[in-house]
Protein backbone atom coordinates (compact mmCIF):
# COMPACT_ATOMS: atom_id res chain seq x y z
CA MET A 1 6.60 -16.03 4.68
CA LYS A 2 2.84 -15.87 5.13
CA SER A 3 1.58 -13.22 7.57
CA VAL A 4 -1.74 -13.90 9.30
CA LYS A 5 -3.88 -11.20 10.94
CA SER A 6 -6.61 -11.44 13.53
CA GLU A 7 -10.21 -11.19 12.35
CA GLU A 8 -10.64 -7.70 13.84
CA LEU A 9 -7.53 -6.54 12.01
CA SER A 10 -8.87 -8.22 8.87
CA PHE A 11 -11.94 -5.97 8.96
CA LYS A 12 -9.71 -2.92 9.34
CA SER A 13 -7.46 -4.14 6.54
CA ALA A 14 -10.48 -4.69 4.28
CA ARG A 15 -11.68 -1.17 5.00
CA VAL A 16 -8.27 0.24 4.09
CA ARG A 17 -8.13 -1.87 0.90
CA TRP A 18 -11.57 -0.72 -0.26
CA THR A 19 -10.70 2.91 0.58
CA THR A 20 -7.44 2.62 -1.34
CA PHE A 21 -9.25 1.12 -4.35
CA PHE A 22 -11.90 3.88 -4.27
CA THR A 23 -9.24 6.58 -3.96
CA ILE A 24 -7.18 5.17 -6.84
CA VAL A 25 -10.24 5.02 -9.11
CA VAL A 26 -11.35 8.59 -8.33
CA VAL A 27 -7.83 10.03 -8.54
CA SER A 28 -7.23 8.19 -11.83
CA ILE A 29 -10.39 9.67 -13.35
CA VAL A 30 -9.52 13.18 -12.14
CA SER A 31 -5.92 12.78 -13.32
CA ILE A 32 -7.05 11.76 -16.81
CA LEU A 33 -9.37 14.78 -16.94
CA CYS A 34 -6.51 17.03 -15.78
CA VAL A 35 -4.23 15.65 -18.50
CA ILE A 36 -6.93 16.35 -21.09
CA VAL A 37 -7.43 19.89 -19.75
CA PHE A 38 -3.67 20.52 -19.75
CA PHE A 39 -3.32 19.19 -23.30
CA PHE A 40 -6.09 21.42 -24.67
CA ALA A 41 -4.82 24.41 -22.67
CA LEU A 42 -1.31 23.88 -24.08
CA ARG A 43 -2.75 23.57 -27.56
CA TYR A 44 -4.81 26.73 -27.09
CA GLU A 45 -1.86 28.72 -25.69
CA THR A 46 0.39 27.53 -28.51
CA ARG A 47 -2.14 28.60 -31.10
CA SER A 48 -2.54 31.93 -29.31
CA SER A 49 1.24 32.36 -29.42
CA TYR A 50 1.28 31.70 -33.16
CA ALA A 51 -1.61 34.11 -33.68
CA GLY A 52 0.21 36.80 -31.67
CA LEU A 53 3.33 36.47 -33.76
CA ASN A 54 1.28 36.69 -36.95
CA GLN A 55 -0.43 39.85 -35.69
CA MET A 56 2.94 41.34 -34.79
CA ALA A 57 4.29 40.53 -38.25
CA ASP A 58 1.17 42.00 -39.90
CA ARG A 59 1.53 45.20 -37.89
CA ILE A 60 5.16 45.73 -38.88
CA ALA A 61 4.55 44.78 -42.51
CA THR A 62 1.72 47.33 -42.69
CA ARG A 63 3.98 50.08 -41.40
CA ILE A 64 6.70 49.28 -43.90
CA GLY A 65 4.50 48.77 -46.92
CA ARG A 66 5.59 47.19 -50.22
CA ALA A 67 8.65 49.11 -51.37
CA PRO A 68 11.69 48.18 -53.47
CA LEU A 69 14.73 46.83 -51.65
CA ILE A 70 16.70 50.13 -51.83
CA THR A 71 13.78 52.11 -50.47
CA LEU A 72 13.10 49.47 -47.83
CA GLU A 73 16.70 49.54 -46.59
CA ARG A 74 16.52 53.35 -46.27
CA ILE A 75 13.26 53.09 -44.30
CA LEU A 76 14.77 50.50 -41.99
CA ARG A 77 17.85 52.63 -41.33
CA ASN A 78 15.62 55.57 -40.43
CA TYR A 79 13.44 53.43 -38.19
CA ALA A 80 16.52 51.99 -36.49
CA GLU A 81 16.96 55.30 -34.75
CA ASN A 82 13.52 54.83 -33.15
CA PRO A 83 13.14 51.06 -32.51
CA ASP A 84 9.96 51.46 -30.45
CA LEU A 85 8.13 52.04 -33.72
CA PHE A 86 8.62 48.34 -34.40
CA THR A 87 9.03 46.53 -31.10
CA ALA A 88 7.52 46.55 -27.63
CA GLU A 89 9.00 45.08 -24.47
CA ASN A 90 9.96 41.38 -24.77
CA GLU A 91 9.60 41.49 -28.56
CA TYR A 92 12.34 40.61 -31.05
CA MET A 93 12.56 41.69 -34.68
CA GLN A 94 15.08 41.12 -37.43
CA PHE A 95 15.22 41.96 -41.14
CA LEU A 96 17.38 39.89 -43.46
CA SER A 97 18.20 40.13 -47.14
CA THR A 98 17.32 37.28 -49.45
CA SER A 99 20.93 36.14 -49.17
CA GLY A 100 20.63 35.87 -45.37
CA GLU A 101 22.55 39.06 -44.46
CA SER A 102 21.15 40.84 -41.39
CA ILE A 103 19.92 44.35 -42.24
CA LEU A 104 18.35 45.34 -38.92
CA GLN A 105 18.01 43.58 -35.56
CA LEU A 106 15.96 45.00 -32.65
CA GLY A 107 15.04 43.69 -29.21
CA GLY A 108 18.17 41.57 -28.78
CA ARG A 109 20.69 39.38 -30.55
CA LEU A 110 19.83 36.00 -32.04
CA LEU A 111 22.27 33.24 -31.07
CA SER A 112 20.70 30.29 -32.85
CA VAL A 113 21.18 29.51 -36.51
CA ILE A 114 17.73 29.26 -38.10
CA PRO A 115 17.15 28.36 -41.78
CA LEU A 116 15.98 31.28 -43.91
CA LYS A 117 12.52 30.05 -44.77
CA GLU A 118 9.00 31.01 -43.82
CA GLY A 119 7.54 29.36 -40.74
CA PHE A 120 7.83 29.03 -36.97
CA ALA A 121 10.95 28.00 -35.05
CA ASN A 122 12.49 28.31 -31.60
CA GLY A 123 15.81 30.03 -30.93
CA MET A 124 17.94 31.57 -28.20
CA VAL A 125 18.01 35.38 -27.98
CA VAL A 126 20.15 37.66 -25.78
CA ASP A 127 18.15 40.79 -24.92
CA TYR A 128 19.48 44.24 -24.09
CA SER A 129 19.95 43.19 -20.43
CA ASP A 130 22.26 40.36 -21.53
CA ARG A 131 19.71 37.75 -20.46
CA GLU A 132 19.60 34.66 -22.61
CA SER A 133 16.07 33.34 -23.23
CA GLU A 134 14.29 30.99 -25.58
CA TYR A 135 12.06 32.75 -28.10
CA ARG A 136 9.42 31.51 -30.46
CA LEU A 137 10.17 33.05 -33.85
CA LEU A 138 8.16 33.62 -37.03
CA THR A 139 10.00 34.15 -40.30
CA ARG A 140 8.03 35.80 -43.11
CA SER A 141 8.97 36.99 -46.59
CA LEU A 142 8.11 40.60 -47.54
CA THR A 143 7.38 41.22 -51.21
CA SER A 144 7.52 44.32 -53.41
CA LEU A 145 4.67 45.70 -55.48
CA ALA A 146 5.80 43.42 -58.26
CA GLY A 147 5.32 40.44 -55.96
CA GLN A 148 9.02 39.66 -55.67
CA SER A 149 10.55 38.70 -52.33
CA VAL A 150 12.83 41.57 -51.32
CA VAL A 151 13.51 40.92 -47.63
CA PHE A 152 12.77 38.46 -44.85
CA MET A 153 11.27 39.63 -41.55
CA ARG A 154 11.71 37.62 -38.36
CA VAL A 155 9.68 38.43 -35.21
CA GLY A 156 9.59 36.65 -31.88
CA LYS A 157 8.39 36.57 -28.28
CA PRO A 158 9.81 34.75 -25.22
CA VAL A 159 8.62 31.20 -24.66
CA SER A 160 8.83 31.90 -20.90
CA GLU A 161 5.48 33.68 -21.02
CA LEU A 162 3.82 30.53 -22.30
CA SER A 163 5.87 28.38 -19.92
CA ASN A 164 4.79 30.43 -16.90
CA ILE A 165 1.13 30.13 -17.82
CA MET A 166 1.39 26.39 -18.34
CA ARG A 167 3.50 25.93 -15.20
CA ASN A 168 0.88 27.72 -13.10
CA LEU A 169 -1.83 25.61 -14.71
CA LEU A 170 0.17 22.44 -14.03
CA TRP A 171 0.60 23.29 -10.34
CA ALA A 172 -3.11 24.09 -10.10
CA LEU A 173 -4.02 20.73 -11.65
CA LEU A 174 -1.56 18.85 -9.38
CA SER A 175 -3.06 20.60 -6.35
CA LEU A 176 -6.50 19.55 -7.57
CA VAL A 177 -5.36 15.92 -7.84
CA LEU A 178 -3.87 15.98 -4.32
CA LEU A 179 -7.00 17.60 -2.91
CA THR A 180 -9.11 15.01 -4.70
CA ALA A 181 -6.98 12.22 -3.23
CA ALA A 182 -7.43 13.57 0.31
CA ILE A 183 -11.18 14.05 -0.07
CA SER A 184 -11.56 10.64 -1.77
CA TRP A 185 -9.69 8.94 1.08
CA ILE A 186 -11.99 10.51 3.68
CA ILE A 187 -15.12 9.67 1.69
CA GLY A 188 -13.76 6.18 0.94
CA LEU A 189 -13.23 5.44 4.62
CA ALA A 190 -16.79 6.52 5.37
CA LEU A 191 -18.26 4.48 2.49
CA ALA A 192 -16.16 1.40 3.28
CA GLY A 193 -17.21 1.58 6.92
CA TYR A 194 -20.85 1.93 5.87
CA VAL A 195 -20.61 -1.07 3.51
CA LEU A 196 -18.67 -3.32 5.89
CA ASN A 197 -20.69 -2.41 8.98
CA PRO A 198 -23.58 -4.86 8.25
CA PHE A 199 -21.06 -7.68 7.74
CA LYS A 200 -19.29 -6.79 10.96
CA GLU A 201 -22.57 -6.66 12.89
CA SER A 202 -23.59 -10.03 11.46
CA TYR A 203 -20.22 -11.46 12.43
CA GLN A 204 -20.57 -10.06 15.96
CA ARG A 205 -24.06 -11.58 16.28
CA LEU A 206 -22.58 -14.92 15.27
CA GLN A 207 -19.90 -14.48 17.93
CA ARG A 208 -22.52 -13.77 20.59
CA PHE A 209 -24.53 -16.80 19.48
CA THR A 210 -21.40 -18.97 19.67
CA ALA A 211 -20.63 -17.68 23.16
CA ASP A 212 -24.20 -18.18 24.39
CA ALA A 213 -24.47 -21.66 22.87
CA SER A 214 -21.11 -22.65 24.37
CA HIS A 215 -22.18 -21.52 27.82
CA GLU A 216 -25.44 -23.43 27.49
CA LEU A 217 -23.58 -26.59 26.47
CA LYS A 218 -21.05 -26.36 29.27
CA THR A 219 -23.47 -27.30 32.08
CA PRO A 220 -25.08 -30.40 30.48
CA LEU A 221 -21.65 -31.67 29.43
CA SER A 222 -20.43 -31.33 33.01
CA ILE A 223 -23.47 -33.31 34.21
CA ILE A 224 -22.80 -36.03 31.62
CA ARG A 225 -19.16 -36.25 32.72
CA LEU A 226 -20.20 -36.49 36.34
CA GLY A 227 -22.59 -39.35 35.54
CA LEU A 228 -19.90 -41.15 33.53
CA ASP A 229 -17.42 -40.81 36.39
CA MET A 230 -19.97 -42.33 38.77
CA LEU A 231 -20.61 -45.22 36.37
CA GLY A 232 -16.88 -45.78 36.03
CA GLU A 233 -16.64 -46.55 39.73
CA LYS A 234 -19.03 -49.50 39.41
CA GLU A 235 -18.30 -52.98 38.13
CA LEU A 236 -19.94 -53.29 34.74
CA ASP A 237 -19.93 -55.67 31.83
CA PRO A 238 -16.74 -55.18 29.70
CA GLU A 239 -18.77 -54.29 26.64
CA VAL A 240 -20.73 -51.69 28.61
CA SER A 241 -17.51 -50.30 30.08
CA SER A 242 -16.07 -50.00 26.57
CA LYS A 243 -19.13 -48.05 25.40
CA ILE A 244 -18.94 -45.79 28.46
CA GLY A 245 -15.25 -45.17 27.73
CA MET A 246 -16.07 -44.11 24.18
CA ILE A 247 -18.78 -41.77 25.46
CA ASP A 248 -16.36 -40.38 28.06
CA THR A 249 -13.71 -39.67 25.39
CA ALA A 250 -16.25 -37.97 23.11
CA THR A 251 -17.56 -35.93 26.04
CA ARG A 252 -14.05 -34.80 26.97
CA ASN A 253 -13.43 -33.71 23.39
CA MET A 254 -16.73 -31.87 23.37
CA GLN A 255 -15.86 -30.11 26.64
CA ASN A 256 -12.49 -29.10 25.22
CA LEU A 257 -14.21 -27.69 22.11
CA VAL A 258 -16.75 -25.75 24.20
CA ASN A 259 -13.98 -24.29 26.35
CA GLN A 260 -12.11 -23.25 23.22
CA LEU A 261 -15.25 -21.61 21.82
CA ILE A 262 -15.84 -19.71 25.04
CA LYS A 263 -12.24 -18.53 25.06
CA MET A 264 -12.49 -17.40 21.43
CA ALA A 265 -15.74 -15.53 22.14
CA ARG A 266 -14.15 -13.73 25.06
CA ILE A 267 -11.20 -12.68 22.95
CA GLN A 268 -13.34 -11.31 20.11
CA SER A 269 -16.05 -9.69 22.23
CA SER A 270 -15.91 -6.58 24.38
CA GLN A 271 -14.48 -8.80 27.12
CA GLU A 272 -11.11 -8.94 25.37
CA ILE A 273 -8.13 -9.83 27.47
CA LYS A 274 -6.94 -6.61 29.07
CA ALA A 275 -3.65 -7.86 30.39
CA LYS A 276 -0.98 -5.32 31.23
CA ALA A 277 2.36 -5.53 29.53
CA GLU A 278 5.28 -6.07 31.88
CA PRO A 279 9.00 -6.83 31.54
CA VAL A 280 9.66 -10.57 31.25
CA ASN A 281 12.74 -12.71 30.82
CA ILE A 282 11.81 -14.40 27.56
CA LYS A 283 14.04 -17.45 28.03
CA ARG A 284 12.47 -18.25 31.40
CA LEU A 285 9.02 -17.81 29.88
CA LEU A 286 9.86 -20.26 27.09
CA GLU A 287 11.32 -22.74 29.59
CA ASP A 288 8.11 -22.65 31.67
CA ILE A 289 5.96 -23.23 28.59
CA ALA A 290 8.19 -26.08 27.42
CA LEU A 291 8.06 -27.68 30.87
CA SER A 292 4.25 -27.65 30.88
CA TYR A 293 4.20 -29.62 27.61
CA ARG A 294 6.76 -32.27 28.61
CA PRO A 295 3.97 -34.77 29.45
CA LEU A 296 2.85 -34.48 25.81
CA SER A 297 6.32 -34.70 24.23
CA ASP A 298 8.27 -37.09 26.48
CA PRO A 299 6.19 -40.25 25.81
CA ARG A 300 6.95 -39.85 22.09
CA GLY A 301 10.62 -39.03 22.56
CA ILE A 302 10.22 -35.51 21.20
CA GLU A 303 12.79 -33.08 22.60
CA ILE A 304 11.81 -29.44 23.17
CA GLU A 305 14.86 -27.17 22.84
CA ILE A 306 15.21 -23.50 23.79
CA GLU A 307 17.33 -21.11 21.70
CA CYS A 308 17.37 -17.72 23.38
CA GLU A 309 19.83 -15.39 25.08
CA ASP A 310 19.84 -15.69 28.87
CA ASN A 311 19.37 -11.94 29.42
CA LEU A 312 16.73 -11.30 26.72
CA VAL A 313 14.06 -9.16 28.42
CA SER A 314 11.05 -7.60 26.71
CA THR A 315 7.79 -6.01 27.82
CA VAL A 316 4.93 -8.32 26.81
CA MET A 317 1.43 -9.39 27.86
CA ILE A 318 2.24 -12.62 29.65
CA GLU A 319 -1.17 -14.34 29.66
CA PRO A 320 -2.11 -14.01 25.97
CA LEU A 321 1.49 -14.65 24.87
CA THR A 322 1.72 -17.78 27.01
CA THR A 323 -1.58 -19.12 25.67
CA SER A 324 -0.60 -18.38 22.07
CA LEU A 325 2.79 -20.04 22.39
CA GLY A 326 1.21 -22.98 24.21
CA ASN A 327 -1.21 -23.55 21.33
CA LEU A 328 1.59 -23.32 18.78
CA LEU A 329 3.82 -25.65 20.77
CA GLU A 330 1.02 -28.17 21.28
CA ASN A 331 0.34 -28.09 17.55
CA ALA A 332 4.06 -28.58 16.77
CA VAL A 333 4.43 -31.53 19.18
CA LYS A 334 1.22 -33.13 17.94
CA PHE A 335 2.37 -33.21 14.30
CA SER A 336 6.09 -33.86 14.85
CA TYR A 337 7.53 -37.30 14.19
CA ASP A 338 8.43 -39.50 17.17
CA GLY A 339 12.01 -38.98 18.29
CA SER A 340 12.32 -35.59 16.55
CA ARG A 341 12.76 -32.19 18.14
CA VAL A 342 10.82 -28.94 18.46
CA VAL A 343 12.69 -25.65 18.89
CA LEU A 344 11.48 -22.57 20.74
CA LYS A 345 13.62 -19.70 19.46
CA SER A 346 13.49 -16.00 20.33
CA PHE A 347 15.50 -12.91 19.37
CA LEU A 348 15.28 -9.15 18.89
CA ASN A 349 15.64 -7.46 15.49
CA ASP A 350 14.90 -3.89 14.36
CA GLY A 351 12.79 -3.10 17.41
CA TYR A 352 10.68 -6.27 17.22
CA LEU A 353 10.57 -9.37 19.37
CA TYR A 354 10.43 -12.62 17.38
CA ILE A 355 9.42 -15.94 18.93
CA GLN A 356 9.54 -18.99 16.67
CA VAL A 357 8.16 -22.50 17.11
CA ILE A 358 10.07 -24.77 14.73
CA ASP A 359 9.20 -28.43 14.10
CA ASN A 360 10.36 -31.19 11.75
CA GLY A 361 6.89 -32.48 10.99
CA PRO A 362 5.20 -33.22 7.65
CA GLY A 363 4.83 -29.53 6.78
CA ILE A 364 1.85 -27.66 5.37
CA GLU A 365 0.79 -27.12 1.77
CA LEU A 366 0.99 -23.51 0.58
CA VAL A 367 -2.75 -23.39 -0.18
CA GLU A 368 -3.45 -24.20 3.48
CA HIS A 369 -1.25 -21.51 5.05
CA GLU A 370 -4.22 -19.20 5.52
CA LYS A 371 -6.89 -21.85 6.07
CA ILE A 372 -5.23 -23.53 9.08
CA PHE A 373 -5.87 -20.36 11.09
CA GLU A 374 -9.60 -20.59 10.46
CA ARG A 375 -11.81 -21.99 13.19
CA PHE A 376 -12.51 -25.74 13.01
CA TYR A 377 -10.33 -26.18 9.95
CA LYS A 378 -8.30 -29.40 9.81
CA SER A 379 -5.87 -30.25 7.04
CA GLU A 380 -5.88 -33.61 5.31
CA ARG A 381 -2.89 -34.64 7.46
CA SER A 382 -4.69 -33.89 10.73
CA HIS A 383 -8.20 -35.31 10.25
CA ASN A 384 -7.40 -38.24 12.53
CA SER A 385 -6.09 -36.03 15.36
CA THR A 386 -8.11 -35.30 18.49
CA GLY A 387 -7.78 -31.53 18.21
CA SER A 388 -10.73 -29.19 17.82
CA GLY A 389 -9.24 -27.07 15.06
CA MET A 390 -9.39 -24.01 17.31
CA GLY A 391 -5.84 -23.76 18.67
CA LEU A 392 -4.29 -21.78 15.81
CA ALA A 393 -7.37 -19.57 15.46
CA ILE A 394 -7.14 -18.66 19.15
CA ALA A 395 -3.41 -18.01 18.83
CA ARG A 396 -4.07 -15.69 15.91
CA GLU A 397 -6.69 -13.69 17.81
CA LEU A 398 -4.57 -13.45 20.95
CA VAL A 399 -1.59 -12.18 18.98
CA GLY A 400 -3.95 -9.67 17.35
CA THR A 401 -4.95 -8.34 20.78
CA MET A 402 -1.23 -7.70 21.40
CA LYS A 403 -1.00 -5.72 18.11
CA GLY A 404 1.27 -8.38 16.65
CA GLU A 405 1.15 -10.87 13.82
CA ILE A 406 1.84 -14.54 13.17
CA ASN A 407 4.03 -15.54 10.23
CA LEU A 408 4.26 -19.03 8.81
CA VAL A 409 7.00 -20.71 6.77
CA SER A 410 6.26 -24.29 5.78
CA GLU A 411 6.64 -26.73 2.91
CA PRO A 412 5.53 -30.35 2.63
CA ASP A 413 8.05 -32.76 4.21
CA LYS A 414 10.26 -29.86 5.38
CA GLY A 415 8.63 -28.98 8.70
CA SER A 416 7.00 -25.71 9.79
CA THR A 417 8.05 -22.49 11.48
CA PHE A 418 5.37 -20.45 13.25
CA GLU A 419 6.68 -17.00 14.17
CA ILE A 420 5.08 -14.45 16.51
CA LYS A 421 6.22 -10.87 15.82
CA LEU A 422 5.63 -8.26 18.51
CA ARG A 423 6.78 -4.69 19.01
CA ALA A 424 9.66 -4.90 21.52
CA GLY A 425 9.04 -2.91 24.69
């Protein structure tokens, strides 16, 4: 289903689209920079963590010195009575024999099974408060004076310290991205308005020119019609009468076009229709509109049917809605096949009032769904019609003044459904 907006709403939609595009670009750039900052910060903190564990291991190794295994075990047993000589708060230390037997363990109890080899690893440790935490551990081999490995030392610190730092940094970066998005949206709206304003002013000048030119044409066309009517009352040569009839038909079409242009200019200018919304029985409204177009449909045997609940009442702007539906119905009757039917259908759904004009005509190509709502546009199937190409454009603008939209469903040789969607009151 193709949704069509009024030209004023199209400007607003374009402004929102450009603002959204600008915001996405800026936020994407800032987000990429934040990811880079977070990556380097994580790398720096990880390296700092490794360096801290190495310093801790160096400190303990210096205190112990390079002694034989028997001497080293005696030193460790003596130090076990005063663990603060080795560890500070949130530090873990363990000494293991070369066979993997634990000699001394301070700062908690290691739960994870870690291979007995030099290097970094992560493991779960239960501290003296029975809290289970993830630690980053460094295993290092201590050698004797002869250079033989006599014991393995394992030191560690909680990963939570690093996690807290990175979590705070992550929240700070996310806050920066959100703040950037808000500021970019505000700036984008201002920039989009600044860029689109010249186009809007040019469009408004064109509207004023159209209105002025239409008003100027209205008077001479009325004079021409008056003269033609006076000539029609006289007895003239058949050939002359035929020429006058052709001029009269062309003049009537021109008058209709001028009236349509004036109406369009009024809708789009500051003199927009300021009708008040009031409760209306929708079925009666549709019946009145259908009745006014019987002279157009009856000669061709086209039946106009109403499908609507008898008690369907909604608050609408009667004048613009009537004009919009009239233009849609006239368009449907004009392009329907003789002896077919046109349906006016209305219903409520999810807080919206839907009014549909359904015909069994030749249908509309998908590429023309948007174009047929442009002023003066005529599809290949309607070039021989007497219309001005303004009816659907006026309907679109009038629906826009009611804060609604027109939807179109149509395929070649399957008819068309024009649907007006309004907020139900």
